[in-house]
């Protein structure tokens, strides 16, 4: 085999090997603390149960260069957020944002946003005033301890059938699927080293023509 062919194979391997993302699903529960003056229907009122879940990509990249802040966008049909309140189900699919800050002005924050940019927006916002939950702005692949947050807000805005805004408090946050993130996603440098190793092994085994 020619040297050029071996180099081409190694290069193609390094470039073509995609990161194997692991979808992770967190579940949450809570209760309604505020409803609009106009009854949204479906048995929603003060104290109604909030039961939801969201799925994100464990391999999502940080979109902010600041080492203390991060935003992770998961895009695709498997990602999004759904929630049931009373007999009503609300869902946004196709995209999900997880936002974080680590010890910014002595505060840790964790936010989740699902927005279809037309009629429905659903979000969670958690804040720890002691900055003790996170050690970095890395995307959590296990559910953060909900009891560590002083602020545990839920917000839903639905304008499809009127200006409906529902607020609540989140009481539990647990991992339902893919807990821990599964197999780690190789960094580009790791793939390059692996490809170089394969090339070196091939060169040792076969003489050049």
Protein backbone atom coordinates (compact mmCIF):
# COMPACT_ATOMS: atom_id res chain seq x y z
CA UNK A 1 0.00 0.00 0.00
CA UNK A 2 1.32 3.41 -0.86
CA UNK A 3 2.24 5.87 1.91
CA UNK A 4 -0.26 8.37 0.46
CA UNK A 5 -3.08 5.82 0.75
CA UNK A 6 -2.32 5.14 4.40
CA UNK A 7 -2.21 8.83 5.18
CA UNK A 8 -5.54 9.29 3.41
CA UNK A 9 -7.18 6.53 5.42
CA UNK A 10 -5.94 7.94 8.73
CA UNK A 11 -7.02 11.46 7.81
CA UNK A 12 -10.46 10.27 6.73
CA UNK A 13 -10.87 8.36 9.99
CA UNK A 14 -9.99 11.39 12.08
CA UNK A 15 -12.32 13.67 10.16
CA UNK A 16 -15.22 11.33 9.55
CA UNK A 17 -15.56 9.72 12.99
CA UNK A 18 -18.52 11.59 14.51
CA UNK A 19 -18.93 12.25 18.23
CA UNK A 20 -21.38 9.70 19.59
CA UNK A 21 -23.80 11.81 21.59
CA UNK A 22 -25.74 10.30 24.44
CA UNK A 23 -29.21 11.79 24.99
CA UNK A 24 -29.86 12.41 28.67
CA UNK A 25 -33.34 12.89 30.11
CA UNK A 26 -33.98 14.64 33.40
CA UNK A 27 -37.39 14.56 35.06
CA UNK A 28 -38.81 17.22 37.36
CA UNK A 29 -41.86 17.77 39.53
CA UNK A 30 -43.28 20.76 41.32
CA UNK A 31 -46.42 22.78 41.90
CA UNK A 32 -48.13 25.83 40.46
CA UNK A 33 -47.73 29.07 42.42
CA UNK A 34 -49.39 31.49 40.00
CA UNK A 35 -51.95 31.26 37.22
CA UNK A 36 -53.48 33.99 35.03
CA UNK A 37 -56.69 35.70 36.04
CA UNK A 38 -58.40 33.98 33.12
CA UNK A 39 -58.70 30.26 33.85
CA UNK A 40 -56.46 28.40 31.35
CA UNK A 41 -58.71 25.35 31.70
CA UNK A 42 -57.70 21.78 32.23
CA UNK A 43 -58.00 21.93 35.99
CA UNK A 44 -54.98 24.20 36.46
CA UNK A 45 -54.96 26.23 39.63
CA UNK A 46 -52.80 27.18 42.59
CA UNK A 47 -51.05 24.06 43.88
CA UNK A 48 -51.64 21.97 40.75
CA UNK A 49 -48.93 19.38 40.15
CA UNK A 50 -46.22 20.01 37.57
CA UNK A 51 -44.74 16.85 36.05
CA UNK A 52 -42.21 17.19 33.26
CA UNK A 53 -39.03 16.04 31.61
CA UNK A 54 -36.41 17.35 29.21
CA UNK A 55 -33.85 15.66 26.97
CA UNK A 56 -30.52 17.19 26.00
CA UNK A 57 -27.34 16.15 24.19
CA UNK A 58 -24.48 15.13 26.47
CA UNK A 59 -22.04 16.16 23.72
CA UNK A 60 -23.46 19.67 23.22
CA UNK A 61 -20.73 22.29 22.97
CA UNK A 62 -20.41 25.38 25.13
CA UNK A 63 -21.38 28.43 23.10
CA UNK A 64 -19.77 30.97 25.47
CA UNK A 65 -16.00 31.49 25.76
CA UNK A 66 -16.23 32.77 29.34
CA UNK A 67 -14.99 29.89 31.58
CA UNK A 68 -17.55 30.73 34.26
CA UNK A 69 -20.62 30.81 32.00
CA UNK A 70 -21.99 28.42 29.41
CA UNK A 71 -24.88 27.77 27.07
CA UNK A 72 -25.41 24.34 25.56
CA UNK A 73 -27.76 23.95 22.58
CA UNK A 74 -29.19 20.51 21.80
CA UNK A 75 -30.75 20.47 18.36
CA UNK A 76 -32.64 17.61 16.72
CA UNK A 77 -35.89 15.65 16.88
CA UNK A 78 -34.93 13.80 20.07
CA UNK A 79 -34.41 16.91 22.18
CA UNK A 80 -36.90 19.16 23.95
CA UNK A 81 -39.15 19.51 26.98
CA UNK A 82 -42.64 18.36 27.87
CA UNK A 83 -44.75 19.03 30.94
CA UNK A 84 -48.18 18.09 32.23
CA UNK A 85 -50.12 20.49 34.44
CA UNK A 86 -53.62 19.40 35.40
CA UNK A 87 -55.01 17.70 32.31
CA UNK A 88 -53.01 19.94 29.95
CA UNK A 89 -49.82 18.79 28.24
CA UNK A 90 -47.37 21.32 26.82
CA UNK A 91 -44.35 20.32 24.71
CA UNK A 92 -41.56 21.88 22.69
CA UNK A 93 -39.43 19.55 20.56
CA UNK A 94 -36.45 19.94 18.28
CA UNK A 95 -34.24 22.14 20.44
CA UNK A 96 -33.28 22.75 24.05
CA UNK A 97 -30.91 25.20 25.73
CA UNK A 98 -29.13 24.50 29.01
CA UNK A 99 -27.55 27.62 30.50
CA UNK A 100 -25.11 27.74 33.41
CA UNK A 101 -22.95 29.99 35.50
CA UNK A 102 -20.36 28.93 38.06
CA UNK A 103 -19.54 31.26 40.94
CA UNK A 104 -20.44 34.46 39.14
CA UNK A 105 -20.62 37.13 41.86
CA UNK A 106 -20.88 34.30 44.40
CA UNK A 107 -23.81 32.58 42.69
CA UNK A 108 -24.31 29.35 40.74
CA UNK A 109 -27.15 29.22 38.20
CA UNK A 110 -28.72 26.48 36.10
CA UNK A 111 -31.39 27.20 33.50
CA UNK A 112 -33.30 25.16 30.93
CA UNK A 113 -35.21 26.78 28.07
CA UNK A 114 -37.44 25.21 25.42
CA UNK A 115 -38.98 27.77 23.07
CA UNK A 116 -40.72 27.30 19.73
CA UNK A 117 -40.38 31.05 19.05
CA UNK A 118 -44.02 31.27 18.00
CA UNK A 119 -46.39 30.52 20.85
CA UNK A 120 -44.85 28.43 23.63
CA UNK A 121 -41.93 28.93 25.98
CA UNK A 122 -41.12 26.68 28.95
CA UNK A 123 -38.22 27.24 31.32
CA UNK A 124 -36.64 26.19 34.60
CA UNK A 125 -34.37 28.47 36.60
CA UNK A 126 -32.31 27.32 39.60
CA UNK A 127 -30.01 29.53 41.66
CA UNK A 128 -27.60 28.69 44.49
CA UNK A 129 -26.58 31.71 46.52
CA UNK A 130 -23.57 29.93 48.07
CA UNK A 131 -21.99 28.94 44.72
CA UNK A 132 -21.44 25.44 46.09
CA UNK A 133 -23.30 23.31 43.50
CA UNK A 134 -20.93 23.53 40.53
CA UNK A 135 -17.15 23.38 40.32
CA UNK A 136 -17.07 24.53 36.68
CA UNK A 137 -19.41 25.50 33.86
CA UNK A 138 -19.30 21.97 32.39
CA UNK A 139 -22.64 20.54 31.29
CA UNK A 140 -24.04 18.41 34.15
CA UNK A 141 -24.69 14.83 33.06
CA UNK A 142 -26.20 13.93 36.44
CA UNK A 143 -29.07 15.89 37.91
CA UNK A 144 -27.92 18.73 40.20
CA UNK A 145 -29.08 18.40 43.81
CA UNK A 146 -32.33 20.36 43.85
CA UNK A 147 -32.12 20.99 47.61
CA UNK A 148 -28.96 23.05 47.12
CA UNK A 149 -30.83 25.77 45.23
CA UNK A 150 -32.54 28.64 47.02
CA UNK A 151 -34.45 29.58 43.84
CA UNK A 152 -36.28 26.80 41.95
CA UNK A 153 -38.56 28.54 39.45
CA UNK A 154 -40.75 27.15 36.68
CA UNK A 155 -42.25 29.37 33.97
CA UNK A 156 -44.57 28.64 31.06
CA UNK A 157 -45.94 31.15 28.56
CA UNK A 158 -48.50 29.99 26.00
CA UNK A 159 -49.89 32.53 23.55
CA UNK A 160 -51.50 30.02 21.18
CA UNK A 161 -54.90 30.22 22.91
CA UNK A 162 -54.51 33.51 24.73
CA UNK A 163 -51.86 35.03 26.96
CA UNK A 164 -51.44 32.19 29.45
CA UNK A 165 -48.58 32.39 31.94
CA UNK A 166 -48.08 29.74 34.59
CA UNK A 167 -45.42 29.99 37.29
CA UNK A 168 -44.36 27.34 39.76
CA UNK A 169 -41.73 25.90 42.07
CA UNK A 170 -39.64 22.85 41.26
CA UNK A 171 -39.34 20.30 44.10
CA UNK A 172 -37.50 17.37 42.48
CA UNK A 173 -34.98 16.94 39.68
CA UNK A 174 -33.87 13.42 38.77
CA UNK A 175 -32.17 11.60 35.92
CA UNK A 176 -34.54 9.30 34.02
CA UNK A 177 -32.33 8.07 31.18
CA UNK A 178 -28.69 8.19 30.09
CA UNK A 179 -27.56 9.11 33.59
CA UNK A 180 -23.88 9.99 33.74
CA UNK A 181 -23.62 10.64 30.02
CA UNK A 182 -22.72 7.14 28.85
CA UNK A 183 -19.44 6.76 26.99
CA UNK A 184 -17.28 9.91 26.99
CA UNK A 185 -17.11 11.73 23.67
CA UNK A 186 -13.52 11.81 22.30
CA UNK A 187 -11.96 15.21 21.82
CA UNK A 188 -10.73 16.00 18.27
CA UNK A 189 -7.14 15.67 19.52
CA UNK A 190 -7.85 12.17 20.79
CA UNK A 191 -9.20 11.12 17.40
CA UNK A 192 -6.13 12.54 15.70
CA UNK A 193 -3.81 10.62 18.02
CA UNK A 194 -5.75 7.43 17.40
CA UNK A 195 -5.52 7.93 13.65
CA UNK A 196 -1.79 8.59 13.93
CA UNK A 197 -1.38 5.37 15.91
CA UNK A 198 -3.19 3.38 13.25
CA UNK A 199 -1.01 4.94 10.58
CA UNK A 200 2.19 4.13 12.47
CA UNK A 201 1.12 0.53 12.98
CA UNK A 202 0.31 0.13 9.29
CA UNK A 203 3.67 1.60 8.26
CA UNK A 204 5.56 -0.78 10.53
CA UNK A 205 3.78 -3.80 9.04
CA UNK A 206 4.10 -3.01 5.33
CA UNK A 207 7.16 -1.89 3.33
CA UNK A 208 6.87 0.99 0.94
CA UNK A 209 6.78 0.22 -2.76
